[in-house]
N, C-alpha and C. Protein backbone atom coordinates (compact mmCIF):
# COMPACT_ATOMS: atom_id res chain seq x y z
N MET A 1 -40.28 47.95 0.01
CA MET A 1 -39.10 48.71 -0.41
C MET A 1 -38.18 48.88 0.77
N ALA A 2 -36.89 48.66 0.57
CA ALA A 2 -35.90 48.78 1.63
C ALA A 2 -35.73 50.24 2.04
N ASN A 3 -35.36 50.41 3.30
CA ASN A 3 -35.08 51.77 3.77
C ASN A 3 -33.83 52.30 3.09
N PRO A 4 -33.81 53.58 2.69
CA PRO A 4 -32.60 54.15 2.12
C PRO A 4 -31.47 54.13 3.12
N LEU A 5 -30.26 53.96 2.65
CA LEU A 5 -29.08 54.00 3.50
C LEU A 5 -28.47 55.39 3.42
N GLN A 6 -27.95 55.87 4.52
CA GLN A 6 -27.32 57.18 4.51
C GLN A 6 -25.83 56.98 4.74
N MET A 7 -25.02 57.41 3.78
CA MET A 7 -23.58 57.27 3.86
C MET A 7 -22.94 58.59 3.51
N SER A 8 -22.11 59.12 4.39
CA SER A 8 -21.40 60.38 4.16
C SER A 8 -22.37 61.50 3.80
N GLY A 9 -23.52 61.53 4.43
CA GLY A 9 -24.48 62.60 4.19
C GLY A 9 -25.28 62.44 2.91
N VAL A 10 -25.07 61.39 2.16
CA VAL A 10 -25.79 61.16 0.91
C VAL A 10 -26.73 59.99 1.12
N VAL A 11 -27.99 60.18 0.77
CA VAL A 11 -28.96 59.10 0.91
C VAL A 11 -28.89 58.22 -0.33
N ILE A 12 -28.70 56.93 -0.10
CA ILE A 12 -28.60 55.97 -1.20
C ILE A 12 -29.75 54.98 -1.05
N ASN A 13 -30.57 54.88 -2.06
CA ASN A 13 -31.64 53.91 -2.08
C ASN A 13 -31.19 52.75 -2.96
N PRO A 14 -31.03 51.55 -2.40
CA PRO A 14 -30.51 50.42 -3.18
C PRO A 14 -31.32 50.10 -4.43
N THR A 15 -32.58 50.50 -4.49
CA THR A 15 -33.39 50.19 -5.67
C THR A 15 -33.14 51.19 -6.80
N ASP A 16 -32.37 52.26 -6.56
CA ASP A 16 -32.11 53.28 -7.58
C ASP A 16 -31.04 52.86 -8.58
N PHE A 17 -30.24 51.88 -8.25
CA PHE A 17 -29.16 51.46 -9.14
C PHE A 17 -28.85 50.00 -8.90
N LYS A 18 -28.15 49.42 -9.84
CA LYS A 18 -27.73 48.03 -9.70
C LYS A 18 -26.25 47.93 -10.00
N LEU A 19 -25.50 47.43 -9.05
CA LEU A 19 -24.08 47.23 -9.25
C LEU A 19 -23.88 46.01 -10.14
N LYS A 20 -22.92 46.10 -11.04
CA LYS A 20 -22.62 44.98 -11.92
C LYS A 20 -21.25 44.44 -11.56
N LYS A 21 -21.18 43.15 -11.39
CA LYS A 21 -19.92 42.52 -11.01
C LYS A 21 -18.81 42.81 -12.01
N ASN A 22 -19.15 42.92 -13.30
CA ASN A 22 -18.11 43.13 -14.31
C ASN A 22 -17.59 44.58 -14.33
N ASP A 23 -18.15 45.47 -13.48
CA ASP A 23 -17.61 46.83 -13.34
C ASP A 23 -16.45 46.87 -12.34
N TYR A 24 -16.15 45.72 -11.72
CA TYR A 24 -15.12 45.64 -10.69
C TYR A 24 -14.16 44.50 -10.99
N ARG A 25 -12.92 44.66 -10.53
CA ARG A 25 -11.92 43.60 -10.66
C ARG A 25 -11.54 43.16 -9.25
N VAL A 26 -11.67 41.88 -8.95
CA VAL A 26 -11.33 41.36 -7.63
C VAL A 26 -9.81 41.30 -7.50
N ILE A 27 -9.30 41.91 -6.44
CA ILE A 27 -7.86 41.89 -6.17
C ILE A 27 -7.51 40.68 -5.30
N ARG A 28 -8.24 40.54 -4.17
CA ARG A 28 -8.00 39.39 -3.30
C ARG A 28 -9.12 39.25 -2.28
N ALA A 29 -9.23 38.07 -1.71
CA ALA A 29 -10.19 37.83 -0.63
C ALA A 29 -9.62 38.44 0.65
N LEU A 30 -10.49 39.07 1.43
CA LEU A 30 -10.07 39.67 2.70
C LEU A 30 -10.47 38.82 3.89
N GLY A 31 -11.57 38.10 3.76
CA GLY A 31 -12.02 37.27 4.87
C GLY A 31 -13.35 36.62 4.59
N HIS A 32 -13.66 35.65 5.45
CA HIS A 32 -14.90 34.90 5.31
C HIS A 32 -15.54 34.80 6.68
N GLY A 33 -16.86 34.90 6.72
CA GLY A 33 -17.58 34.81 7.98
C GLY A 33 -18.85 34.01 7.81
N SER A 34 -19.68 34.04 8.84
CA SER A 34 -20.88 33.21 8.81
C SER A 34 -21.90 33.70 7.79
N PHE A 35 -21.87 34.99 7.43
CA PHE A 35 -22.84 35.52 6.47
C PHE A 35 -22.30 35.65 5.06
N GLY A 36 -21.00 35.53 4.86
CA GLY A 36 -20.47 35.67 3.52
C GLY A 36 -18.98 35.94 3.50
N SER A 37 -18.53 36.61 2.45
CA SER A 37 -17.11 36.86 2.24
C SER A 37 -16.88 38.31 1.84
N ALA A 38 -15.69 38.83 2.16
CA ALA A 38 -15.32 40.19 1.80
C ALA A 38 -14.12 40.14 0.85
N PHE A 39 -14.16 41.01 -0.17
CA PHE A 39 -13.12 41.03 -1.19
C PHE A 39 -12.62 42.46 -1.41
N LEU A 40 -11.34 42.63 -1.61
CA LEU A 40 -10.80 43.90 -2.05
C LEU A 40 -10.98 43.94 -3.56
N VAL A 41 -11.64 44.99 -4.06
CA VAL A 41 -11.91 45.12 -5.49
C VAL A 41 -11.48 46.49 -5.97
N THR A 42 -11.27 46.62 -7.26
CA THR A 42 -11.01 47.90 -7.91
C THR A 42 -12.17 48.20 -8.84
N GLU A 43 -12.74 49.40 -8.71
CA GLU A 43 -13.77 49.84 -9.64
C GLU A 43 -13.06 50.20 -10.94
N ILE A 44 -13.38 49.53 -12.00
CA ILE A 44 -12.65 49.68 -13.26
C ILE A 44 -12.73 51.11 -13.79
N ALA A 45 -13.89 51.74 -13.74
CA ALA A 45 -14.08 53.08 -14.31
C ALA A 45 -13.25 54.15 -13.59
N SER A 46 -13.13 54.05 -12.25
CA SER A 46 -12.47 55.11 -11.49
C SER A 46 -11.11 54.72 -10.94
N GLY A 47 -10.83 53.42 -10.85
CA GLY A 47 -9.59 52.96 -10.24
C GLY A 47 -9.64 52.92 -8.72
N LYS A 48 -10.78 53.28 -8.13
CA LYS A 48 -10.92 53.27 -6.67
C LYS A 48 -10.90 51.85 -6.15
N GLN A 49 -10.23 51.67 -5.00
CA GLN A 49 -10.26 50.37 -4.34
C GLN A 49 -11.36 50.41 -3.29
N LEU A 50 -12.14 49.34 -3.26
CA LEU A 50 -13.29 49.23 -2.37
C LEU A 50 -13.34 47.83 -1.79
N VAL A 51 -14.17 47.67 -0.78
CA VAL A 51 -14.43 46.34 -0.25
C VAL A 51 -15.82 45.92 -0.70
N TRP A 52 -15.90 44.76 -1.29
CA TRP A 52 -17.16 44.19 -1.77
C TRP A 52 -17.48 43.04 -0.83
N LYS A 53 -18.62 43.12 -0.18
CA LYS A 53 -19.02 42.05 0.72
C LYS A 53 -20.18 41.28 0.10
N ARG A 54 -19.95 40.02 -0.14
CA ARG A 54 -20.99 39.14 -0.69
C ARG A 54 -21.61 38.39 0.47
N MET A 55 -22.92 38.53 0.60
CA MET A 55 -23.61 37.93 1.74
C MET A 55 -24.71 36.98 1.27
N THR A 56 -24.90 35.90 2.00
CA THR A 56 -25.98 34.97 1.74
C THR A 56 -27.15 35.36 2.63
N ILE A 57 -28.26 35.72 2.00
CA ILE A 57 -29.45 36.14 2.75
C ILE A 57 -30.58 35.18 2.40
N VAL A 58 -31.03 34.43 3.41
CA VAL A 58 -32.06 33.42 3.17
C VAL A 58 -33.36 33.70 3.92
N SER A 59 -33.35 34.72 4.80
CA SER A 59 -34.56 35.00 5.57
C SER A 59 -34.72 36.50 5.78
N LYS A 60 -35.88 36.90 6.24
CA LYS A 60 -36.12 38.32 6.54
C LYS A 60 -35.19 38.80 7.65
N GLU A 61 -34.90 37.93 8.61
CA GLU A 61 -33.98 38.30 9.70
C GLU A 61 -32.57 38.52 9.16
N ASP A 62 -32.11 37.67 8.24
CA ASP A 62 -30.81 37.87 7.60
C ASP A 62 -30.77 39.21 6.89
N ARG A 63 -31.84 39.55 6.18
CA ARG A 63 -31.92 40.81 5.45
C ARG A 63 -31.87 42.00 6.40
N ARG A 64 -32.60 41.90 7.52
CA ARG A 64 -32.60 42.97 8.51
C ARG A 64 -31.19 43.18 9.09
N MET A 65 -30.52 42.08 9.39
CA MET A 65 -29.16 42.17 9.95
C MET A 65 -28.19 42.74 8.93
N ALA A 66 -28.32 42.37 7.66
CA ALA A 66 -27.43 42.89 6.61
C ALA A 66 -27.64 44.39 6.43
N LEU A 67 -28.88 44.84 6.42
CA LEU A 67 -29.15 46.28 6.28
C LEU A 67 -28.64 47.04 7.50
N SER A 68 -28.78 46.44 8.67
CA SER A 68 -28.28 47.08 9.90
C SER A 68 -26.75 47.23 9.83
N GLU A 69 -26.06 46.19 9.35
CA GLU A 69 -24.61 46.26 9.21
C GLU A 69 -24.20 47.34 8.20
N ALA A 70 -24.92 47.43 7.10
CA ALA A 70 -24.61 48.43 6.08
C ALA A 70 -24.79 49.84 6.63
N GLU A 71 -25.80 50.05 7.45
CA GLU A 71 -26.02 51.36 8.05
C GLU A 71 -24.88 51.74 8.99
N ILE A 72 -24.34 50.76 9.71
CA ILE A 72 -23.22 51.00 10.63
C ILE A 72 -21.96 51.35 9.86
N LEU A 73 -21.72 50.67 8.75
CA LEU A 73 -20.51 50.90 7.97
C LEU A 73 -20.62 52.22 7.24
């Protein structure tokens, strides 16, 4: 089980929910890097604009680095 992420004082455990791509509308691509791409999206239910980062994870090390990045953000 992945370690819970703490964001804005709220602990989020990624296994507690599943984001659905159809709950968001992609506005535009923001950038591309070695691990994936970032997109500006709007959450349809709330109208909030967010950044959605799609990452390719093929190894345990990739997963560790992705979780580390999420904790920093």
